[in-house]
Amino acid sequence: MPNEIIYKEGEAVNEMHFIQEGVVELIRNQEGSETEMIGNGEHFGEMAVLTHWKSEWDAHSLVFTISAVFSRKGKKFTFILFKILDYENLKKEYPEIG
């Protein structure tokens, strides 16, 4: 469903997302309120996945969103072709995929 939390500010993050379809809202609360919306062809999470920093943003989907994901676990990097954010809502609409 929309508003699926991808990660919260301060969490250790190990994924960089490349938005294929949809919209993600990024919110930084630490130094006042700063908001950014990103969509098709844009990306987020690069600093956290490359440097092991904690996220400086809350990130959540605003609509059904599909992203390609670059993931890091320890010294191993993995590329996941597509990750569907909002999979639970998709299963409700199309139970045959569940």
Protein backbone atom coordinates (compact mmCIF):
# COMPACT_ATOMS: atom_id res chain seq x y z
CA MET A 1 0.00 0.00 0.00
CA PRO A 2 1.18 3.60 -0.39
CA ASN A 3 3.20 4.93 2.51
CA GLU A 4 5.18 1.72 2.84
CA ILE A 5 8.20 2.54 4.98
CA ILE A 6 11.44 1.73 3.18
CA TYR A 7 13.63 2.92 6.04
CA LYS A 8 13.66 5.48 8.82
CA GLU A 9 16.10 8.25 9.62
CA GLY A 10 18.92 6.88 11.78
CA GLU A 11 18.58 3.26 10.60
CA ALA A 12 21.55 1.39 9.16
CA VAL A 13 20.78 1.04 5.46
CA ASN A 14 22.22 -1.53 3.05
CA GLU A 15 20.19 -0.77 -0.10
CA MET A 16 20.40 1.80 -2.87
CA HIS A 17 17.16 2.13 -4.84
CA PHE A 18 16.78 3.11 -8.50
CA ILE A 19 13.13 4.05 -9.02
CA GLN A 20 11.70 2.37 -12.11
CA GLU A 21 8.09 3.40 -11.54
CA GLY A 22 6.44 5.29 -8.73
CA VAL A 23 7.23 8.02 -6.22
CA VAL A 24 9.20 7.93 -2.97
CA GLU A 25 9.16 10.72 -0.41
CA LEU A 26 12.33 11.45 1.57
CA ILE A 27 11.95 13.40 4.82
CA ARG A 28 14.80 14.73 6.96
CA ASN A 29 13.66 15.71 10.45
CA GLN A 30 17.01 16.14 12.17
CA GLU A 31 17.74 19.72 11.09
CA GLY A 32 14.27 21.11 10.64
CA SER A 33 11.87 19.60 8.21
CA GLU A 34 13.19 18.98 4.69
CA THR A 35 11.22 16.99 2.13
CA GLU A 36 12.16 15.67 -1.29
CA MET A 37 10.12 13.56 -3.69
CA ILE A 38 11.84 11.35 -6.23
CA GLY A 39 10.39 9.32 -9.06
CA ASN A 40 11.05 7.44 -12.29
CA GLY A 41 14.75 7.31 -13.19
CA GLU A 42 15.97 8.77 -9.88
CA HIS A 43 17.79 7.05 -7.02
CA PHE A 44 18.40 7.27 -3.27
CA GLY A 45 20.42 5.49 -0.57
CA GLU A 46 23.81 5.70 -2.29
CA MET A 47 25.74 7.25 0.60
CA ALA A 48 24.39 4.85 3.18
CA VAL A 49 25.08 1.71 1.17
CA LEU A 50 28.57 2.78 0.10
CA THR A 51 29.81 4.17 3.41
CA HIS A 52 27.80 2.24 6.04
CA TRP A 53 26.36 5.51 7.32
CA LYS A 54 23.00 5.57 8.95
CA SER A 55 20.20 7.05 6.90
CA GLU A 56 19.73 10.79 7.16
CA TRP A 57 16.18 10.48 5.74
CA ASP A 58 12.88 8.74 6.31
CA ALA A 59 11.94 7.09 3.01
CA HIS A 60 8.48 5.80 2.12
CA SER A 61 6.55 5.08 -1.05
CA LEU A 62 3.72 7.46 -1.91
CA VAL A 63 2.20 5.16 -4.56
CA PHE A 64 2.80 1.66 -5.91
CA THR A 65 6.57 1.73 -6.59
CA ILE A 66 9.00 -0.59 -8.35
CA SER A 67 12.73 -0.11 -7.85
CA ALA A 68 15.92 -1.83 -8.91
CA VAL A 69 18.05 -2.37 -5.80
CA PHE A 70 21.79 -2.46 -5.20
CA SER A 71 22.36 -4.15 -1.84
CA ARG A 72 25.42 -4.52 0.38
CA LYS A 73 25.88 -7.11 3.12
CA GLY A 74 29.35 -6.95 4.61
CA LYS A 75 31.76 -6.93 1.67
CA LYS A 76 29.29 -8.60 -0.71
CA PHE A 77 27.29 -6.49 -3.17
CA THR A 78 24.12 -7.79 -4.83
CA PHE A 79 21.97 -6.29 -7.56
CA ILE A 80 18.27 -7.15 -7.34
CA LEU A 81 16.63 -6.40 -10.65
CA PHE A 82 13.29 -5.29 -9.24
CA LYS A 83 11.87 -4.88 -5.78
CA ILE A 84 8.18 -4.10 -5.52
CA LEU A 85 7.43 -1.68 -2.72
CA ASP A 86 3.79 -2.12 -1.79
CA TYR A 87 3.74 -5.86 -2.53
CA GLU A 88 1.04 -6.47 0.10
CA ASN A 89 -1.43 -4.17 -1.67
CA LEU A 90 -0.57 -5.73 -5.03
CA LYS A 91 -1.42 -9.20 -3.59
CA LYS A 92 -4.81 -7.89 -2.46
CA GLU A 93 -5.61 -6.63 -5.95
CA TYR A 94 -4.20 -9.74 -7.70
CA PRO A 95 -4.42 -12.67 -5.26
CA GLU A 96 -3.18 -15.09 -7.93
CA ILE A 97 0.39 -13.74 -7.51
CA GLY A 98 0.42 -14.33 -3.75
